[in-house]
Amino acid sequence: MKASMKAIVYDTYGPPEVLRLEDVEKPSPRDDEVLVRVHAASVNAADWRLMRADPFLVRLYCGLLKPSRFRILGADIAGRVEAVGGKVGRFRPGDEVFGDVFASHLGGFAEYKCARESELVLKPANLSFEEAAAVPLAALTALHGLRDKGRIQPGQQVLIHGASGGVGTFAVQLARYFGAEVSAVCSTAKREAARALGADHVIDYTREDFSRGARRYDLILAVNGNRSIFDYRRALTRGGTYVMAGGHSAQLVQALLLGPGLSLLGKRRMGALTSVPNQRDLHFLKELLEAGRLRPVIDRRYPLSELREAIRYLEAGHAKGKVVIALEPGG
């Protein structure tokens, strides 16, 4: 009889009600894979977008009529290695690891996950499993948006729109690490949290419109914005860069369709971010975490059985940092 595990599965697109807790077959690692006992996972906007097939293009990746590519969501995991494949050389049973498992068809919302060796690194010793699980996808998105797509430079004026969410809290810290002067856009209730992360200026979007202010920015990273691409363009310096790394479907469409044309028409670069997780950058983040230069911000913790509620909370857009799923007590 094959061993089983508990996991949250879904077989149709829709609201959180399509998710259900089931006993499914426990995976076994292939030659290049690591079997991880998942102690914690985290929820990302990608989870509810895949769950709802929003935008519609999700269906081209996951399945046109139903999610046939995988049944278990969850890209971020942290846990302990239970077994390794024959060709795995970096890890051994007992190692504490974390990583982004999107490339191996997600699966983090389960008691066990088989991940590629290249998707994982050793967990920072100074972080709990829950803290480590909060890092990979969000921090890598922030890093790639600022450093790679945005080409951030010391002394630049950088605006983080959506500074209090999962990606935004990492983006503020990373922009400061790279030597920029950081302006954070958030709500009134989250102003002090943004300052605590290192923001030089905090813009309360309920009282002030950043696109109408006197300040212009060399780099704008929009991670949870609902503004027009023309608003962002107005706020850029000549030669500035706008990177769309999150937001509603309208922002994605504008960045993909209008961004290239607007970049050609003026001295500003505008476009959407494509972030590809990799072990090298995860190691880089690990070093920053261990040095105390970067820290995860966790808003709420839920048990696996309450994943529906966790996704509802994140989707509502009020999370102050990350929402984490705890599979092991004291993780």
Protein backbone atom coordinates (compact mmCIF):
# COMPACT_ATOMS: atom_id res chain seq x y z
CA MET A 1 0.00 0.00 0.00
CA LYS A 2 1.40 3.39 -1.03
CA ALA A 3 2.00 6.05 1.61
CA SER A 4 -0.30 9.07 1.65
CA MET A 5 -0.13 12.69 2.79
CA LYS A 6 -2.53 15.56 3.31
CA ALA A 7 -2.69 18.28 0.68
CA ILE A 8 -4.98 21.05 -0.52
CA VAL A 9 -6.10 20.20 -4.06
CA TYR A 10 -8.32 21.76 -6.72
CA ASP A 11 -9.77 20.36 -9.95
CA THR A 12 -11.66 23.35 -11.33
CA TYR A 13 -11.08 27.10 -11.58
CA GLY A 14 -12.96 29.41 -9.27
CA PRO A 15 -13.07 31.06 -5.81
CA PRO A 16 -11.42 29.61 -2.69
CA GLU A 17 -14.33 27.19 -2.30
CA VAL A 18 -12.83 25.04 -5.08
CA LEU A 19 -9.96 24.14 -2.71
CA ARG A 20 -10.32 21.05 -0.52
CA LEU A 21 -8.19 19.07 1.90
CA GLU A 22 -7.55 15.51 0.73
CA ASP A 23 -5.34 12.50 1.34
CA VAL A 24 -3.20 12.03 -1.77
CA GLU A 25 -0.26 9.83 -2.65
CA LYS A 26 3.02 10.83 -1.06
CA PRO A 27 5.61 11.57 -3.79
CA SER A 28 8.93 9.79 -4.25
CA PRO A 29 12.01 11.69 -5.47
CA ARG A 30 13.47 11.12 -8.92
CA ASP A 31 17.24 11.03 -9.43
CA ASP A 32 17.58 14.84 -9.48
CA GLU A 33 14.95 15.55 -6.83
CA VAL A 34 14.78 16.14 -3.09
CA LEU A 35 11.84 14.99 -0.97
CA VAL A 36 11.06 17.73 1.55
CA ARG A 37 8.85 17.40 4.61
CA VAL A 38 7.16 20.78 4.37
CA HIS A 39 7.11 22.68 7.67
CA ALA A 40 5.79 25.94 6.23
CA ALA A 41 4.64 27.47 2.95
CA SER A 42 3.46 30.94 2.00
CA VAL A 43 0.62 32.33 -0.06
CA ASN A 44 1.30 34.55 -3.08
CA ALA A 45 -0.90 36.43 -5.53
CA ALA A 46 0.11 33.79 -8.07
CA ASP A 47 -1.86 31.21 -6.06
CA TRP A 48 -5.21 32.95 -6.28
CA ARG A 49 -4.59 33.98 -9.88
CA LEU A 50 -3.92 30.36 -10.84
CA MET A 51 -6.90 29.24 -8.76
CA ARG A 52 -9.24 31.67 -10.53
CA ALA A 53 -7.52 31.58 -13.96
CA ASP A 54 -7.16 35.36 -13.79
CA PRO A 55 -5.96 36.60 -16.21
CA PHE A 56 -7.41 34.25 -18.80
CA LEU A 57 -3.91 33.56 -20.17
CA VAL A 58 -3.40 31.36 -17.07
CA ARG A 59 -5.46 28.73 -18.87
CA LEU A 60 -2.85 28.45 -21.62
CA TYR A 61 -0.34 27.32 -19.00
CA CYS A 62 -2.49 25.34 -16.57
CA GLY A 63 -5.22 23.92 -18.81
CA LEU A 64 -7.93 25.50 -20.95
CA LEU A 65 -11.02 24.07 -19.21
CA LYS A 66 -9.58 22.92 -15.90
CA PRO A 67 -6.19 22.97 -14.09
CA SER A 68 -4.78 19.79 -15.61
CA ARG A 69 -1.08 20.66 -15.24
CA PHE A 70 -1.08 20.29 -11.43
CA ARG A 71 -3.59 19.91 -8.58
CA ILE A 72 -1.69 21.48 -5.67
CA LEU A 73 -0.80 25.19 -5.46
CA GLY A 74 1.99 26.77 -3.43
CA ALA A 75 5.37 27.96 -4.75
CA ASP A 76 7.21 28.79 -1.51
CA ILE A 77 8.29 26.06 0.87
CA ALA A 78 10.58 25.57 3.85
CA GLY A 79 11.19 22.23 5.50
CA ARG A 80 13.50 19.34 6.20
CA VAL A 81 14.95 16.95 3.63
CA GLU A 82 13.58 13.43 4.10
CA ALA A 83 15.14 11.67 1.09
CA VAL A 84 17.25 12.48 -1.98
CA GLY A 85 17.54 11.07 -5.48
CA GLY A 86 20.59 9.20 -6.68
CA LYS A 87 22.08 12.17 -8.56
CA VAL A 88 21.58 14.75 -5.79
CA GLY A 89 24.87 15.98 -4.34
CA ARG A 90 24.06 19.21 -2.50
CA PHE A 91 21.67 17.90 0.14
CA ARG A 92 21.23 14.98 2.46
CA PRO A 93 18.42 13.81 4.78
CA GLY A 94 18.02 16.12 7.75
CA ASP A 95 19.06 19.32 5.96
CA GLU A 96 16.81 22.31 6.52
CA VAL A 97 16.00 23.95 3.17
CA PHE A 98 13.81 26.56 1.53
CA GLY A 99 13.01 27.51 -2.03
CA ASP A 100 10.63 28.42 -4.85
CA VAL A 101 9.16 25.26 -6.42
CA PHE A 102 7.15 26.90 -9.21
CA ALA A 103 9.26 25.23 -11.89
CA SER A 104 8.45 21.76 -10.57
CA HIS A 105 4.70 22.38 -10.85
CA LEU A 106 4.20 24.01 -7.43
CA GLY A 107 2.84 21.68 -4.72
CA GLY A 108 3.81 23.57 -1.57
CA PHE A 109 0.42 23.27 0.11
CA ALA A 110 1.04 19.68 1.11
CA GLU A 111 2.88 17.74 3.79
CA TYR A 112 5.59 16.64 1.32
CA LYS A 113 7.00 18.06 -1.88
CA CYS A 114 9.50 16.64 -4.36
CA ALA A 115 11.57 19.57 -5.61
CA ARG A 116 14.44 19.81 -8.04
CA GLU A 117 17.81 20.12 -6.35
CA SER A 118 18.32 23.41 -8.20
CA GLU A 119 15.21 24.97 -6.61
CA LEU A 120 16.45 24.77 -3.03
CA VAL A 121 19.15 26.17 -0.78
CA LEU A 122 19.94 25.61 2.89
CA LYS A 123 17.65 27.58 5.18
CA PRO A 124 19.22 30.59 6.93
CA ALA A 125 20.13 29.47 10.44
CA ASN A 126 18.68 32.62 12.00
CA LEU A 127 15.22 32.15 10.44
CA SER A 128 12.35 29.88 11.47
CA PHE A 129 10.71 27.68 8.85
CA GLU A 130 7.79 30.09 8.66
CA GLU A 131 10.09 33.07 8.13
CA ALA A 132 12.08 31.22 5.47
CA ALA A 133 8.92 30.18 3.62
CA ALA A 134 7.91 33.85 3.40
CA VAL A 135 10.98 34.73 1.34
CA PRO A 136 11.51 33.00 -2.04
CA LEU A 137 8.97 34.14 -4.63
CA ALA A 138 8.35 37.61 -3.20
CA ALA A 139 11.99 38.47 -2.51
CA LEU A 140 13.17 37.11 -5.85
CA THR A 141 10.50 39.17 -7.64
CA ALA A 142 11.67 42.29 -5.81
CA LEU A 143 15.33 41.54 -6.57
CA HIS A 144 14.76 40.87 -10.26
CA GLY A 145 12.51 43.90 -10.63
CA LEU A 146 15.00 46.29 -9.06
CA ARG A 147 18.39 44.88 -10.01
CA ASP A 148 17.80 43.14 -13.33
CA LYS A 149 14.85 44.83 -15.04
CA GLY A 150 15.19 48.15 -13.24
CA ARG A 151 19.02 48.35 -13.28
CA ILE A 152 19.00 50.13 -9.95
CA GLN A 153 22.00 52.36 -9.13
CA PRO A 154 23.21 53.99 -5.89
CA GLY A 155 21.76 57.46 -5.33
CA GLN A 156 18.73 56.96 -7.56
CA GLN A 157 15.26 58.09 -6.59
CA VAL A 158 13.20 54.87 -6.40
CA LEU A 159 9.44 54.59 -5.87
CA ILE A 160 7.89 51.34 -4.59
CA HIS A 161 4.16 51.33 -5.32
CA GLY A 162 2.53 48.74 -3.09
CA ALA A 163 5.29 48.90 -0.50
CA SER A 164 3.47 47.10 2.31
CA GLY A 165 2.66 43.82 0.54
CA GLY A 166 4.76 40.69 0.24
CA VAL A 167 6.95 41.86 -2.66
CA GLY A 168 6.87 45.48 -1.55
CA THR A 169 8.29 44.88 1.92
CA PHE A 170 11.29 43.14 0.37
CA ALA A 171 11.59 45.77 -2.39
CA VAL A 172 11.92 48.63 0.11
CA GLN A 173 14.71 46.83 1.94
CA LEU A 174 16.54 45.78 -1.23
CA ALA A 175 16.34 49.25 -2.77
CA ARG A 176 17.97 50.65 0.38
CA TYR A 177 20.61 47.90 0.25
CA PHE A 178 21.48 48.96 -3.31
CA GLY A 179 21.95 52.55 -2.14
CA ALA A 180 18.81 54.20 -3.49
CA GLU A 181 16.67 56.90 -1.88
CA VAL A 182 13.36 55.12 -1.42
CA SER A 183 9.82 56.46 -1.55
CA ALA A 184 7.15 53.98 -0.43
CA VAL A 185 3.49 54.24 -1.44
CA CYS A 186 1.06 52.66 1.03
CA SER A 187 -2.07 53.33 3.10
CA THR A 188 -2.25 55.39 6.28
CA ALA A 189 -2.23 52.34 8.56
CA LYS A 190 0.98 51.02 7.02
CA ARG A 191 3.10 54.19 7.01
CA GLU A 192 5.11 53.43 10.14
CA ALA A 193 5.79 49.87 8.98
CA ALA A 194 7.23 51.22 5.71
CA ARG A 195 9.49 53.62 7.63
CA ALA A 196 10.66 50.78 9.86
CA LEU A 197 11.77 48.88 6.75
CA GLY A 198 13.94 51.80 5.70
CA ALA A 199 11.81 53.98 3.42
CA ASP A 200 13.17 57.53 3.25
CA HIS A 201 9.79 58.95 2.22
CA VAL A 202 6.31 57.51 2.72
CA ILE A 203 3.42 58.55 0.48
CA ASP A 204 -0.07 57.89 1.83
CA TYR A 205 -2.07 57.18 -1.32
CA THR A 206 -5.33 58.12 0.45
CA ARG A 207 -4.04 61.68 0.83
CA GLU A 208 -1.45 62.23 -1.89
CA ASP A 209 -1.08 61.35 -5.58
CA PHE A 210 2.55 60.44 -6.28
CA SER A 211 2.09 61.08 -10.01
CA ARG A 212 1.07 64.71 -9.37
CA GLY A 213 3.82 65.55 -6.90
CA ALA A 214 6.99 67.52 -7.58
CA ARG A 215 9.31 64.56 -7.10
CA ARG A 216 10.33 62.48 -10.14
CA TYR A 217 11.77 58.98 -9.96
CA ASP A 218 14.58 57.20 -11.75
CA LEU A 219 12.94 53.84 -11.12
CA ILE A 220 9.35 52.89 -10.26
CA LEU A 221 8.57 49.34 -9.19
CA ALA A 222 4.80 48.78 -9.16
CA VAL A 223 4.02 45.61 -7.23
CA ASN A 224 0.40 46.18 -6.25
CA GLY A 225 -0.70 49.21 -8.15
CA ASN A 226 -3.93 50.05 -9.94
CA ARG A 227 -2.72 53.16 -11.71
CA SER A 228 -2.54 53.82 -15.42
CA ILE A 229 0.78 53.33 -17.19
CA PHE A 230 0.55 57.02 -18.14
CA ASP A 231 0.49 58.00 -14.46
CA TYR A 232 3.71 56.09 -13.90
CA ARG A 233 5.25 57.62 -17.02
CA ARG A 234 4.44 61.12 -15.77
CA ALA A 235 6.28 60.41 -12.51
CA LEU A 236 9.50 59.22 -14.18
CA THR A 237 12.62 61.25 -14.79
CA ARG A 238 13.94 61.52 -18.32
CA GLY A 239 15.72 58.20 -18.80
CA GLY A 240 13.75 56.60 -15.96
CA THR A 241 12.38 53.07 -15.80
CA TYR A 242 8.95 51.70 -14.88
CA VAL A 243 8.72 48.01 -13.97
CA MET A 244 5.30 46.38 -13.58
CA ALA A 245 5.71 43.45 -11.18
CA GLY A 246 2.14 43.10 -9.92
CA GLY A 247 -1.32 44.61 -10.03
CA HIS A 248 -4.61 44.03 -11.78
CA SER A 249 -5.00 42.53 -15.24
CA ALA A 250 -5.34 46.01 -16.73
CA GLN A 251 -1.85 46.96 -15.55
CA LEU A 252 -0.38 43.80 -17.05
CA VAL A 253 -2.08 44.40 -20.41
CA GLN A 254 -0.90 48.02 -20.48
CA ALA A 255 2.67 47.08 -19.63
CA LEU A 256 2.78 44.34 -22.26
CA LEU A 257 0.97 46.18 -25.07
CA LEU A 258 1.70 49.86 -24.45
CA GLY A 259 5.05 49.61 -22.66
CA PRO A 260 7.21 48.84 -25.73
CA GLY A 261 5.64 51.66 -27.75
CA LEU A 262 5.92 54.21 -24.98
CA SER A 263 9.56 53.20 -24.48
CA LEU A 264 10.28 53.92 -28.13
CA LEU A 265 8.45 57.26 -28.12
CA GLY A 266 10.31 58.77 -25.17
CA LYS A 267 13.46 58.53 -23.10
CA ARG A 268 11.84 56.20 -20.59
CA ARG A 269 11.79 52.40 -20.34
CA MET A 270 8.45 50.83 -19.46
CA GLY A 271 7.52 47.17 -19.25
CA ALA A 272 6.49 44.11 -17.27
CA LEU A 273 8.79 41.91 -15.22
CA THR A 274 9.38 38.25 -15.93
CA SER A 275 11.03 36.75 -12.84
CA VAL A 276 12.68 33.34 -13.17
CA PRO A 277 13.75 31.80 -9.82
CA ASN A 278 17.31 30.52 -9.65
CA GLN A 279 19.59 29.05 -7.01
CA ARG A 280 22.27 31.73 -7.34
CA ASP A 281 19.91 34.55 -6.42
CA LEU A 282 18.34 32.51 -3.64
CA HIS A 283 21.85 32.10 -2.19
CA PHE A 284 22.32 35.86 -2.46
CA LEU A 285 19.10 36.46 -0.50
CA LYS A 286 20.15 33.86 2.06
CA GLU A 287 23.36 35.80 2.70
CA LEU A 288 21.44 39.04 3.19
CA LEU A 289 19.02 37.33 5.57
CA GLU A 290 21.83 35.83 7.63
CA ALA A 291 23.61 39.19 7.76
CA GLY A 292 20.48 40.95 8.99
CA ARG A 293 20.28 43.13 5.87
CA LEU A 294 16.91 41.67 4.89
CA ARG A 295 14.01 40.36 6.94
CA PRO A 296 10.62 38.87 6.09
CA VAL A 297 7.49 40.56 7.37
CA ILE A 298 4.73 38.11 8.30
CA ASP A 299 1.21 39.44 8.75
CA ARG A 300 -0.81 36.29 9.49
CA ARG A 301 -0.30 32.56 9.95
CA TYR A 302 -2.85 29.88 9.09
CA PRO A 303 -2.87 26.06 9.37
CA LEU A 304 -3.07 24.09 6.12
CA SER A 305 -6.75 23.33 6.73
CA GLU A 306 -7.53 27.07 6.59
CA LEU A 307 -5.85 27.81 3.24
CA ARG A 308 -9.15 29.08 1.85
CA GLU A 309 -9.28 31.79 4.51
CA ALA A 310 -5.62 32.66 3.94
CA ILE A 311 -6.17 33.17 0.22
CA ARG A 312 -9.30 35.24 0.83
CA TYR A 313 -7.35 37.50 3.16
CA LEU A 314 -4.47 37.96 0.71
CA GLU A 315 -6.80 38.51 -2.23
CA ALA A 316 -8.60 41.30 -0.35
CA GLY A 317 -5.37 43.29 -0.63
CA HIS A 318 -4.89 44.33 2.99
CA ALA A 319 -1.99 42.09 4.04
CA LYS A 320 0.95 43.82 5.72
CA GLY A 321 3.69 41.60 4.35
CA LYS A 322 3.38 37.86 3.89
CA VAL A 323 0.68 35.32 4.72
CA VAL A 324 2.16 32.01 5.86
CA ILE A 325 0.81 28.46 6.07
CA ALA A 326 2.20 26.54 9.06
CA LEU A 327 2.23 22.76 8.63
CA GLU A 328 4.30 21.99 11.72
CA PRO A 329 3.74 23.45 15.21
CA GLY A 330 6.46 25.89 16.21
CA GLY A 331 7.78 26.16 12.65
